[in-house]
């Protein structure tokens, strides 16, 4: 009877030790995955900051003007190239009538 109890206790200790080893290995695996995730998050955050800074640099007025001159061949307005068109009297009168009749 005592031998059976000893064997049963030995089996319980061995199974408990195997379970402890398995849990320890699982913990290390999950911790490594967590660290990889944190590293990836830091890397993505740095990339985001870099892209935001790049977007800010691209959106400056000087950059937009430079792209307009180079790619679209646009130029600044000067009085020499300004074209004044006459406003039709009927169109301006028609636009003024609804504004005057509003309560």
C-alpha atoms as a PDB file:
ATOM      1  CA  UNK A   1       0.000   0.000   0.000  1.00  0.00           C
ATOM      2  CA  UNK A   2       2.801   2.428   0.921  1.00  0.00           C
ATOM      3  CA  UNK A   3       4.595   1.591  -2.329  1.00  0.00           C
ATOM      4  CA  UNK A   4       1.514   2.566  -4.352  1.00  0.00           C
ATOM      5  CA  UNK A   5       1.284   5.914  -2.576  1.00  0.00           C
ATOM      6  CA  UNK A   6       4.987   6.590  -3.188  1.00  0.00           C
ATOM      7  CA  UNK A   7       4.654   5.725  -6.887  1.00  0.00           C
ATOM      8  CA  UNK A   8       1.554   7.919  -7.142  1.00  0.00           C
ATOM      9  CA  UNK A   9       3.333  10.812  -5.442  1.00  0.00           C
ATOM     10  CA  UNK A  10       6.408  10.342  -7.668  1.00  0.00           C
ATOM     11  CA  UNK A  11       4.187  10.384 -10.754  1.00  0.00           C
ATOM     12  CA  UNK A  12       2.481  13.576  -9.496  1.00  0.00           C
ATOM     13  CA  UNK A  13       5.855  15.257  -8.910  1.00  0.00           C
ATOM     14  CA  UNK A  14       7.123  14.278 -12.393  1.00  0.00           C
ATOM     15  CA  UNK A  15       3.926  15.487 -14.077  1.00  0.00           C
ATOM     16  CA  UNK A  16       4.065  18.718 -12.091  1.00  0.00           C
ATOM     17  CA  UNK A  17       7.705  19.263 -13.103  1.00  0.00           C
ATOM     18  CA  UNK A  18       6.893  18.622 -16.785  1.00  0.00           C
ATOM     19  CA  UNK A  19       3.987  21.058 -16.591  1.00  0.00           C
ATOM     20  CA  UNK A  20       6.248  23.670 -14.953  1.00  0.00           C
ATOM     21  CA  UNK A  21       8.871  23.263 -17.695  1.00  0.00           C
ATOM     22  CA  UNK A  22       6.205  23.590 -20.400  1.00  0.00           C
ATOM     23  CA  UNK A  23       4.724  26.715 -18.774  1.00  0.00           C
ATOM     24  CA  UNK A  24       8.169  28.268 -18.411  1.00  0.00           C
ATOM     25  CA  UNK A  25       8.909  27.636 -22.088  1.00  0.00           C
ATOM     26  CA  UNK A  26       5.524  29.108 -23.087  1.00  0.00           C
ATOM     27  CA  UNK A  27       6.210  32.180 -20.938  1.00  0.00           C
ATOM     28  CA  UNK A  28       9.587  32.753 -22.613  1.00  0.00           C
ATOM     29  CA  UNK A  29       8.040  32.342 -26.070  1.00  0.00           C
ATOM     30  CA  UNK A  30       5.250  34.824 -25.319  1.00  0.00           C
ATOM     31  CA  UNK A  31       7.661  37.309 -23.742  1.00  0.00           C
ATOM     32  CA  UNK A  32       9.886  37.174 -26.845  1.00  0.00           C
ATOM     33  CA  UNK A  33       6.823  37.774 -29.051  1.00  0.00           C
ATOM     34  CA  UNK A  34       5.840  40.723 -26.852  1.00  0.00           C
ATOM     35  CA  UNK A  35       9.316  42.250 -27.155  1.00  0.00           C
ATOM     36  CA  UNK A  36       9.247  41.807 -30.939  1.00  0.00           C
ATOM     37  CA  UNK A  37       5.866  43.551 -30.998  1.00  0.00           C
ATOM     38  CA  UNK A  38       7.161  46.443 -28.891  1.00  0.00           C
ATOM     39  CA  UNK A  39      10.192  46.796 -31.162  1.00  0.00           C
ATOM     40  CA  UNK A  40       7.958  46.814 -34.242  1.00  0.00           C
ATOM     41  CA  UNK A  41       5.693  49.433 -32.623  1.00  0.00           C
ATOM     42  CA  UNK A  42       8.682  51.682 -31.882  1.00  0.00           C
ATOM     43  CA  UNK A  43       9.919  51.248 -35.446  1.00  0.00           C
ATOM     44  CA  UNK A  44       6.496  52.085 -36.895  1.00  0.00           C
ATOM     45  CA  UNK A  45       6.208  55.115 -34.617  1.00  0.00           C
ATOM     46  CA  UNK A  46       9.593  56.380 -35.841  1.00  0.00           C
ATOM     47  CA  UNK A  47       8.482  55.835 -39.442  1.00  0.00           C
ATOM     48  CA  UNK A  48       5.258  57.730 -38.727  1.00  0.00           C
ATOM     49  CA  UNK A  49       7.175  60.684 -37.282  1.00  0.00           C
ATOM     50  CA  UNK A  50       9.480  60.664 -40.310  1.00  0.00           C
ATOM     51  CA  UNK A  51       6.529  60.622 -42.723  1.00  0.00           C
ATOM     52  CA  UNK A  52       4.789  63.431 -40.849  1.00  0.00           C
ATOM     53  CA  UNK A  53       7.927  65.558 -41.030  1.00  0.00           C
ATOM     54  CA  UNK A  54       8.271  64.764 -44.726  1.00  0.00           C
ATOM     55  CA  UNK A  55       4.621  65.683 -45.345  1.00  0.00           C
ATOM     56  CA  UNK A  56       5.122  68.987 -43.524  1.00  0.00           C
ATOM     57  CA  UNK A  57       8.178  69.727 -45.672  1.00  0.00           C
ATOM     58  CA  UNK A  58       6.248  68.920 -48.861  1.00  0.00           C
ATOM     59  CA  UNK A  59       3.320  71.138 -47.881  1.00  0.00           C
ATOM     60  CA  UNK A  60       5.243  74.375 -47.385  1.00  0.00           C
ATOM     61  CA  UNK A  61       4.354  77.312 -49.611  1.00  0.00           C
ATOM     62  CA  UNK A  62       7.824  77.437 -51.139  1.00  0.00           C
ATOM     63  CA  UNK A  63       7.654  73.771 -52.086  1.00  0.00           C
ATOM     64  CA  UNK A  64       4.201  74.164 -53.652  1.00  0.00           C
ATOM     65  CA  UNK A  65       5.351  77.198 -55.615  1.00  0.00           C
ATOM     66  CA  UNK A  66       8.461  75.357 -56.784  1.00  0.00           C
ATOM     67  CA  UNK A  67       6.403  72.393 -57.999  1.00  0.00           C
ATOM     68  CA  UNK A  68       3.954  74.727 -59.743  1.00  0.00           C
ATOM     69  CA  UNK A  69       6.809  76.413 -61.615  1.00  0.00           C
ATOM     70  CA  UNK A  70       8.671  73.217 -62.504  1.00  0.00           C
ATOM     71  CA  UNK A  71       5.939  70.676 -63.256  1.00  0.00           C
ATOM     72  CA  UNK A  72       3.041  72.891 -64.331  1.00  0.00           C
ATOM     73  CA  UNK A  73       5.122  75.679 -65.914  1.00  0.00           C
ATOM     74  CA  UNK A  74       3.136  78.259 -63.948  1.00  0.00           C
ATOM     75  CA  UNK A  75       4.478  81.742 -63.292  1.00  0.00           C
ATOM     76  CA  UNK A  76       3.642  84.586 -60.974  1.00  0.00           C
ATOM     77  CA  UNK A  77       1.017  87.117 -61.991  1.00  0.00           C
ATOM     78  CA  UNK A  78       2.361  90.416 -63.291  1.00  0.00           C
ATOM     79  CA  UNK A  79       0.441  93.407 -64.644  1.00  0.00           C
ATOM     80  CA  UNK A  80       1.979  92.712 -68.059  1.00  0.00           C
ATOM     81  CA  UNK A  81       0.200  89.359 -68.366  1.00  0.00           C
ATOM     82  CA  UNK A  82      -3.023  90.245 -66.558  1.00  0.00           C
ATOM     83  CA  UNK A  83      -6.090  90.233 -68.770  1.00  0.00           C
ATOM     84  CA  UNK A  84      -9.069  92.273 -67.663  1.00  0.00           C
ATOM     85  CA  UNK A  85     -12.420  91.141 -69.055  1.00  0.00           C
ATOM     86  CA  UNK A  86     -15.451  93.377 -69.119  1.00  0.00           C
ATOM     87  CA  UNK A  87     -18.308  92.332 -66.874  1.00  0.00           C
ATOM     88  CA  UNK A  88     -21.593  92.090 -68.689  1.00  0.00           C
ATOM     89  CA  UNK A  89     -24.099  94.547 -67.274  1.00  0.00           C
ATOM     90  CA  UNK A  90     -26.995  92.099 -67.602  1.00  0.00           C
ATOM     91  CA  UNK A  91     -25.214  89.383 -65.631  1.00  0.00           C
ATOM     92  CA  UNK A  92     -24.346  91.743 -62.811  1.00  0.00           C
ATOM     93  CA  UNK A  93     -27.884  93.164 -62.744  1.00  0.00           C
ATOM     94  CA  UNK A  94     -29.375  89.668 -62.602  1.00  0.00           C
ATOM     95  CA  UNK A  95     -27.140  88.774 -59.708  1.00  0.00           C
ATOM     96  CA  UNK A  96     -28.106  91.933 -57.820  1.00  0.00           C
ATOM     97  CA  UNK A  97     -31.900  91.407 -58.134  1.00  0.00           C
ATOM     98  CA  UNK A  98     -32.204  88.309 -55.859  1.00  0.00           C
ATOM     99  CA  UNK A  99     -30.034  89.937 -53.222  1.00  0.00           C
ATOM    100  CA  UNK A 100     -32.231  93.057 -53.165  1.00  0.00           C
ATOM    101  CA  UNK A 101     -35.508  91.086 -52.913  1.00  0.00           C
ATOM    102  CA  UNK A 102     -34.384  89.011 -49.939  1.00  0.00           C
ATOM    103  CA  UNK A 103     -36.229  89.917 -46.658  1.00  0.00           C
END
